Structure formats: structure tokens, C-alpha cells
Amino acid sequence: MIKKFSGKEDGSILVLFAVGLAALIAMTGLVIDGGHLYMQKSRLQKTANASALSGAQEIPNSKIAVHEVVSHILASHGEENSLQQSSIENNSKLYVALEKNVPLFFATLFGVDSLPVKADAKAALAPMGAAKGAVPLGIDESVALQYGQAYQLKVDSGDSASGNFGVLALQGPGAKLYGESLTYGFDQPLKVGDIINTQTGNIAGETRSAINYRIDACPSGDYLIRDCPRVMLVIVYKPYEVATNQLKSIKITGFAYFYVTDRMGSSDDSIKGIFIKRTGAGTAEAGMPLDRGAYAVRLTE
């Protein structure tokens, strides 16, 4: 009688052990497959973000350039076959949607070989409100910029007399500091609302040296090249302090991109070029910067 009871008990333990082992294996399988799906979803989302952010940078240039960049980013991440949609909205936003089937491991025991994972991202252009690398040149916000039209920024006297163009003292007064900022860009951040003093004195020589340096550093003359120094980030401003018909300081209200087209000769007193629409490494700010063609790119809903 006792032996029979012990045998039944041993059988029950074996059954319980088998059930518990099966449950443990199932849980392990779910963790493995679930973790694999999560990692693939996360990777796909990062790829979607990168594609949208990089592609949106080309919106001011052309739709073809946008889609070429998206394709390049996807290929570099091994996701060229995952693209479901790439569309430009209102010429200011790029939407990218990706989807792919992810192979499973444990679930194949139940006839489920793979599951789809999806990711999407939208990147938008916004007027630049803060940036590094600006040059000590400014344009009055009252000027309605005509992109692609030739402009001459006059810098002969550097006295910032009343007008639509100003020479600024970003690093402080003096021709040498002005020349450094014009040659390499100001290395400190500037933002909408900042007050900047104007530059006085003779800065024509420093201007010629800086502009010709930028011309030589980008001999191809293609402003679509991201690091072409001929493209300068200039400040959009409104007058802040004016005395005796002289602009003493300005208040930043936005940013613009100016592309230098010509070298400066020994007798030249103007920087020749065109204003262009372009994205850059700056950021959008809450200070409602004016839209003058310089844009920051950010992910949005």
C-alpha cells in the first residue's frame, strides 16, 4: 500500500517537473525572442531617425538630394530594403517609415518564423535661433532677402553707419579680432536676443584676407558641399543703440547664410555673393527667430 502511494507521488513529481521545465523553457524562449525583437526595433528606430534628420538637411536643395541621402543612410545601416515611405511635407518636413520582418528563434517551434517590426520618424526645418561659427557681419531684418540674387556687402570704413548692413565686434574691438572671426567663424554660441556691439575702424585689409582665404579653401565653388568655407553664417539684426547717425549695437533676431562668389582685389571694398537657403548645425530656439533661410533640423511628431 505504501509502495503504491510512493510510486504515484514520484509520478506526480515527474509530471510537475516536466510541466515546470516546459514553462521555464517557454519563458526563456519568450525572453530571447522578445529581447531580439526589442533590439531590432530599437535599431530600426535609430536608422529611421538618422535617415529623417540627414535627409531633411537637403530639403532646401532638392527633392532628389533628399531621397539620395535617405537611400545612402539606409544602405549604410543595411536597411535599404526596409523603406516603406519617404515623403516631404510642406517643403519643410521629411517623413520616413521603415518596416522589416525579424526572424525568431523559439517561436519557430510553434510555426512562427518571423514578426514584422516598424519604425518611423519625422524631421522638420525650423528657423535657426542659436549657433556657433557666425561671422562678424550682419544684415538688417528689414531687408527682404532675395535668394540667389547678387548682393554686395560694403565694408570699406567699418564704421557701421546707419544702413542695412553692419560690421560686428563679436570677439571685441579691433581689426585683428574681427579678421579672426571672419576667417574662421566665431567659436562661441550666439542666440536670438543677444546684444552685440558694432566694429569701428579700418577693417578692409582684414576683410580681403579673410574672404580670399575662404575662396581658396573651397576652390570648387559648390555651395552644396557641407564644409565649403565660402558659405558664411551671418547675423540678422535690428538696431539696438544708434547715436549721431552711427549704429552702436544690434540685437540678434535671426541668422542667414551668405555664399561668397568673388575674390576681393586690393581696391575692393565689398564682399560679393548671394544669400542661400541652407540647414546647419545650429538649434531652433523659443525666441521666435526670423526666417531668413538658415534652418536647424530637429525630430518632431
Protein backbone atom coordinates (compact mmCIF):
# COMPACT_ATOMS: atom_id res chain seq x y z
CA MET A 1 0.00 0.00 0.00
CA ILE A 2 2.80 2.39 0.99
CA LYS A 3 4.88 1.42 -2.03
CA LYS A 4 1.95 2.10 -4.36
CA PHE A 5 1.47 5.55 -2.80
CA SER A 6 5.16 6.39 -3.18
CA GLY A 7 5.04 5.38 -6.81
CA LYS A 8 2.11 7.65 -7.51
CA GLU A 9 3.85 10.50 -5.70
CA ASP A 10 7.03 10.05 -7.73
CA GLY A 11 4.95 10.11 -10.90
CA SER A 12 3.24 13.33 -9.87
CA ILE A 13 6.60 14.94 -9.14
CA LEU A 14 7.89 13.95 -12.55
CA VAL A 15 4.80 15.42 -14.21
CA LEU A 16 5.13 18.64 -12.24
CA PHE A 17 8.84 18.81 -13.04
CA ALA A 18 8.14 18.30 -16.73
CA VAL A 19 5.45 20.99 -16.72
CA GLY A 20 7.70 23.39 -14.83
CA LEU A 21 10.61 22.71 -17.16
CA ALA A 22 8.41 23.30 -20.19
CA ALA A 23 7.17 26.57 -18.69
CA LEU A 24 10.75 27.65 -17.94
CA ILE A 25 11.85 26.86 -21.47
CA ALA A 26 8.84 28.75 -22.84
CA MET A 27 9.61 31.78 -20.68
CA THR A 28 13.26 31.67 -21.71
CA GLY A 29 12.22 31.48 -25.34
CA LEU A 30 9.87 34.41 -24.97
CA VAL A 31 12.61 36.44 -23.30
CA ILE A 32 15.05 35.59 -26.08
CA ASP A 33 12.60 36.34 -28.90
CA GLY A 34 11.20 39.39 -27.12
CA GLY A 35 14.65 40.77 -26.47
CA HIS A 36 15.64 40.15 -30.07
CA LEU A 37 12.54 41.95 -31.33
CA TYR A 38 13.18 44.88 -28.98
CA MET A 39 16.80 45.23 -30.15
CA GLN A 40 15.78 45.12 -33.80
CA LYS A 41 13.00 47.64 -33.20
CA SER A 42 15.42 49.97 -31.42
CA ARG A 43 17.97 49.64 -34.21
CA LEU A 44 15.34 50.29 -36.86
CA GLN A 45 14.13 53.39 -34.97
CA LYS A 46 17.66 54.79 -34.81
CA THR A 47 18.01 54.22 -38.54
CA ALA A 48 14.69 55.97 -39.20
CA ASN A 49 15.78 58.93 -37.05
CA ALA A 50 19.13 59.19 -38.83
CA SER A 51 17.50 58.96 -42.26
CA ALA A 52 14.95 61.66 -41.47
CA LEU A 53 17.46 64.05 -39.89
CA SER A 54 20.06 63.63 -42.65
CA GLY A 55 17.55 63.74 -45.47
CA ALA A 56 15.79 66.83 -44.12
CA GLN A 57 19.06 68.75 -44.35
CA GLU A 58 18.71 68.62 -48.13
CA ILE A 59 15.15 69.96 -48.32
CA PRO A 60 16.36 73.50 -49.24
CA ASN A 61 18.35 71.98 -52.12
CA SER A 62 16.15 69.46 -53.97
CA LYS A 63 13.84 66.50 -53.53
CA ILE A 64 16.30 64.34 -55.44
CA ALA A 65 19.05 65.19 -52.96
CA VAL A 66 16.72 64.36 -50.05
CA HIS A 67 15.92 60.89 -51.33
CA GLU A 68 19.55 60.21 -52.30
CA VAL A 69 20.66 60.95 -48.74
CA VAL A 70 17.89 58.80 -47.26
CA SER A 71 18.93 55.91 -49.51
CA HIS A 72 22.56 56.35 -48.55
CA ILE A 73 21.81 56.32 -44.81
CA LEU A 74 19.62 53.22 -45.14
CA ALA A 75 22.29 51.41 -47.15
CA SER A 76 24.97 52.28 -44.61
CA HIS A 77 22.81 50.68 -41.90
CA GLY A 78 21.95 47.65 -44.02
CA GLU A 79 18.28 48.64 -44.20
CA GLU A 80 17.91 49.61 -47.85
CA ASN A 81 15.06 47.10 -48.26
CA SER A 82 13.15 48.36 -45.22
CA LEU A 83 11.94 51.65 -46.68
CA GLN A 84 8.15 51.89 -46.89
CA GLN A 85 7.74 55.64 -47.31
CA SER A 86 9.86 58.75 -47.70
CA SER A 87 7.85 61.90 -48.26
CA ILE A 88 8.36 65.66 -47.96
CA GLU A 89 5.57 67.66 -46.33
CA ASN A 90 5.03 71.38 -46.95
CA ASN A 91 8.62 71.65 -48.17
CA SER A 92 9.72 71.75 -44.53
CA LYS A 93 9.31 68.23 -43.10
CA LEU A 94 10.53 64.78 -44.06
CA TYR A 95 8.66 61.64 -43.02
CA VAL A 96 10.41 58.26 -43.19
CA ALA A 97 8.69 54.93 -42.46
CA LEU A 98 10.53 51.60 -42.22
CA GLU A 99 9.37 48.00 -41.80
CA LYS A 100 11.10 44.63 -41.88
CA ASN A 101 10.48 41.04 -40.83
CA VAL A 102 12.61 39.87 -37.92
CA PRO A 103 13.39 36.13 -37.71
CA LEU A 104 12.54 34.44 -34.41
CA PHE A 105 14.14 31.54 -32.57
CA PHE A 106 11.91 29.82 -30.00
CA ALA A 107 8.65 30.77 -31.71
CA THR A 108 9.60 28.70 -34.74
CA LEU A 109 8.65 25.66 -32.64
CA PHE A 110 5.08 26.91 -32.89
CA GLY A 111 5.23 27.72 -36.60
CA VAL A 112 6.01 31.45 -36.22
CA ASP A 113 9.21 32.10 -38.15
CA SER A 114 9.23 35.91 -38.02
CA LEU A 115 7.34 39.01 -36.99
CA PRO A 116 7.27 42.48 -38.57
CA VAL A 117 8.74 45.47 -36.76
CA LYS A 118 8.03 49.05 -37.77
CA ALA A 119 9.62 52.44 -37.10
CA ASP A 120 9.00 55.92 -38.39
CA ALA A 121 10.45 59.39 -37.87
CA LYS A 122 9.70 62.93 -38.93
CA ALA A 123 12.30 65.69 -39.08
CA ALA A 124 11.36 69.34 -39.58
CA LEU A 125 13.15 72.52 -40.53
CA ALA A 126 12.90 75.45 -38.12
CA PRO A 127 14.47 78.91 -38.36
CA MET A 128 17.83 78.84 -36.63
CA GLY A 129 17.79 80.58 -33.26
CA ALA A 130 21.25 79.78 -31.90
CA ALA A 131 24.53 78.75 -33.49
CA LYS A 132 28.30 78.74 -33.36
CA GLY A 133 30.55 79.78 -36.21
CA ALA A 134 28.85 83.03 -37.22
CA VAL A 135 30.95 85.71 -38.92
CA PRO A 136 31.07 89.34 -37.72
CA LEU A 137 28.73 90.58 -40.43
CA GLY A 138 25.07 91.44 -40.06
CA ILE A 139 22.08 92.30 -42.23
CA ASP A 140 19.17 94.40 -41.01
CA GLU A 141 15.96 92.43 -40.55
CA SER A 142 14.10 94.99 -42.65
CA VAL A 143 15.84 93.70 -45.78
CA ALA A 144 13.65 91.23 -47.65
CA LEU A 145 16.28 88.78 -48.90
CA GLN A 146 16.09 87.58 -52.49
CA TYR A 147 17.80 84.20 -52.51
CA GLY A 148 20.19 83.70 -55.40
CA GLN A 149 20.31 87.42 -56.19
CA ALA A 150 23.71 89.15 -56.20
CA TYR A 151 24.49 91.32 -53.15
CA GLN A 152 27.45 93.49 -52.23
CA LEU A 153 28.20 93.86 -48.52
CA LYS A 154 30.16 97.08 -48.21
CA VAL A 155 32.95 97.02 -45.60
CA ASP A 156 35.26 99.86 -46.59
CA SER A 157 35.15 102.02 -43.46
CA GLY A 158 33.82 99.59 -40.87
CA ASP A 159 32.09 102.48 -39.13
CA SER A 160 28.64 100.83 -39.20
CA ALA A 161 26.92 103.99 -40.37
CA SER A 162 23.15 103.84 -40.49
CA GLY A 163 22.07 101.49 -43.27
CA ASN A 164 21.11 97.89 -43.90
CA PHE A 165 24.47 96.26 -43.24
CA GLY A 166 26.65 96.17 -40.13
CA VAL A 167 30.16 95.06 -39.21
CA LEU A 168 30.17 93.49 -35.74
CA ALA A 169 32.69 93.10 -32.93
CA LEU A 170 31.95 89.53 -31.88
CA GLN A 171 35.22 88.93 -30.01
CA GLY A 172 35.74 92.55 -29.05
CA PRO A 173 37.01 95.70 -30.76
CA GLY A 174 39.99 95.64 -33.08
CA ALA A 175 40.76 94.68 -36.66
CA LYS A 176 42.77 91.57 -35.71
CA LEU A 177 39.94 90.00 -33.70
CA TYR A 178 37.49 90.92 -36.45
CA GLY A 179 39.74 89.24 -39.02
CA GLU A 180 39.97 86.02 -36.99
CA SER A 181 36.18 85.82 -36.63
CA LEU A 182 35.65 86.47 -40.33
CA THR A 183 38.25 83.90 -41.36
CA TYR A 184 37.29 81.02 -39.09
CA GLY A 185 33.90 81.95 -37.64
CA PHE A 186 33.15 82.92 -34.04
CA ASP A 187 33.68 79.86 -31.84
CA GLN A 188 31.17 80.84 -29.15
CA PRO A 189 27.39 80.33 -29.34
CA LEU A 190 25.19 83.25 -30.29
CA LYS A 191 21.41 83.29 -29.97
CA VAL A 192 18.38 85.37 -30.75
CA GLY A 193 18.14 88.22 -28.24
CA ASP A 194 21.90 88.69 -27.77
CA ILE A 195 23.18 92.28 -27.91
CA ILE A 196 26.35 92.77 -29.97
CA ASN A 197 28.48 95.89 -30.34
CA THR A 198 29.44 97.09 -33.80
CA GLN A 199 33.00 97.25 -35.14
CA THR A 200 34.68 100.56 -35.92
CA GLY A 201 37.90 101.43 -37.69
CA ASN A 202 39.58 100.35 -40.89
CA ILE A 203 38.97 96.64 -41.46
CA ALA A 204 39.20 96.50 -45.28
CA GLY A 205 42.54 94.66 -45.29
CA GLU A 206 41.42 92.05 -42.79
CA THR A 207 38.22 91.56 -44.79
CA ARG A 208 40.10 90.92 -48.04
CA SER A 209 42.45 88.42 -46.38
CA ALA A 210 39.59 86.50 -44.74
CA ILE A 211 37.37 86.37 -47.84
CA ASN A 212 40.20 85.26 -50.12
CA TYR A 213 41.17 82.58 -47.60
CA ARG A 214 37.62 81.25 -47.75
CA ILE A 215 37.63 81.33 -51.56
CA ASP A 216 40.91 79.37 -51.70
CA ALA A 217 39.64 76.81 -49.18
CA CYS A 218 36.69 75.89 -51.43
CA PRO A 219 38.08 76.02 -54.98
CA SER A 220 35.20 74.02 -56.49
CA GLY A 221 32.79 76.82 -55.65
CA ASP A 222 29.98 74.35 -54.95
CA TYR A 223 27.92 75.69 -52.05
CA LEU A 224 26.14 72.36 -51.72
CA ILE A 225 29.35 70.98 -50.20
CA ARG A 226 28.65 70.92 -46.47
CA ASP A 227 32.02 72.22 -45.30
CA CYS A 228 32.64 74.79 -48.05
CA PRO A 229 34.03 77.90 -46.24
CA ARG A 230 32.59 80.19 -48.90
CA VAL A 231 29.26 79.72 -47.11
CA MET A 232 29.15 82.06 -44.12
CA LEU A 233 26.60 82.26 -41.34
CA VAL A 234 25.72 85.96 -40.95
CA ILE A 235 23.62 87.62 -38.29
CA VAL A 236 20.19 89.11 -38.88
CA TYR A 237 19.56 92.02 -36.52
CA LYS A 238 17.53 95.01 -35.59
CA PRO A 239 19.27 98.22 -34.41
CA TYR A 240 19.59 98.38 -30.64
CA GLU A 241 21.54 101.58 -29.99
CA VAL A 242 22.04 104.38 -32.50
CA ALA A 243 23.89 107.63 -31.70
CA THR A 244 24.80 110.51 -34.03
CA ASN A 245 23.70 108.53 -37.05
CA GLN A 246 26.01 105.67 -36.05
CA LEU A 247 24.89 102.16 -35.15
CA LYS A 248 26.49 101.33 -31.81
CA SER A 249 24.97 97.92 -31.10
CA ILE A 250 22.47 95.46 -32.52
CA LYS A 251 20.07 92.81 -31.24
CA ILE A 252 20.12 89.42 -32.94
CA THR A 253 16.77 88.41 -34.42
CA GLY A 254 17.88 85.54 -36.68
CA PHE A 255 20.54 84.10 -38.95
CA ALA A 256 21.15 83.84 -42.70
CA TYR A 257 23.62 82.08 -45.00
CA PHE A 258 25.72 84.11 -47.44
CA TYR A 259 27.73 82.45 -50.21
CA VAL A 260 30.82 84.35 -51.35
CA THR A 261 31.11 84.32 -55.14
CA ASP A 262 34.16 86.53 -55.89
CA ARG A 263 37.63 87.14 -54.60
CA MET A 264 38.42 90.60 -53.29
CA GLY A 265 41.07 92.67 -55.05
CA SER A 266 43.32 95.24 -53.42
CA SER A 267 40.88 98.04 -54.21
CA ASP A 268 37.64 96.16 -53.49
CA ASP A 269 35.56 97.38 -50.55
CA SER A 270 32.61 94.99 -50.83
CA ILE A 271 32.00 91.27 -50.32
CA LYS A 272 30.18 89.89 -53.35
CA GLY A 273 27.86 86.93 -53.06
CA ILE A 274 24.33 85.61 -52.75
CA PHE A 275 22.06 84.64 -49.88
CA ILE A 276 21.04 80.98 -49.93
CA LYS A 277 18.68 78.69 -48.04
CA ARG A 278 20.54 76.06 -46.07
CA THR A 279 20.46 73.91 -42.95
CA GLY A 280 23.23 73.99 -40.38
CA ALA A 281 24.40 72.76 -37.00
CA GLY A 282 22.53 75.43 -35.05
CA THR A 283 19.42 74.89 -32.98
CA ALA A 284 15.87 76.17 -33.05
CA GLU A 285 15.01 78.34 -30.06
CA ALA A 286 11.85 79.52 -28.36
CA GLY A 287 12.66 83.16 -29.12
CA MET A 288 10.80 83.16 -32.45
CA PRO A 289 13.80 83.78 -34.75
CA LEU A 290 13.07 85.34 -38.12
CA ASP A 291 13.06 83.05 -41.13
CA ARG A 292 15.93 84.23 -43.32
CA GLY A 293 16.87 80.92 -44.88
CA ALA A 294 19.11 79.48 -42.14
CA TYR A 295 17.48 76.40 -40.64
CA ALA A 296 18.06 73.90 -37.87
CA VAL A 297 16.77 70.33 -38.20
CA ARG A 298 15.04 68.53 -35.36
CA LEU A 299 12.90 65.46 -34.85
CA THR A 300 9.23 66.23 -34.39
CA GLU A 301 5.90 64.47 -34.03
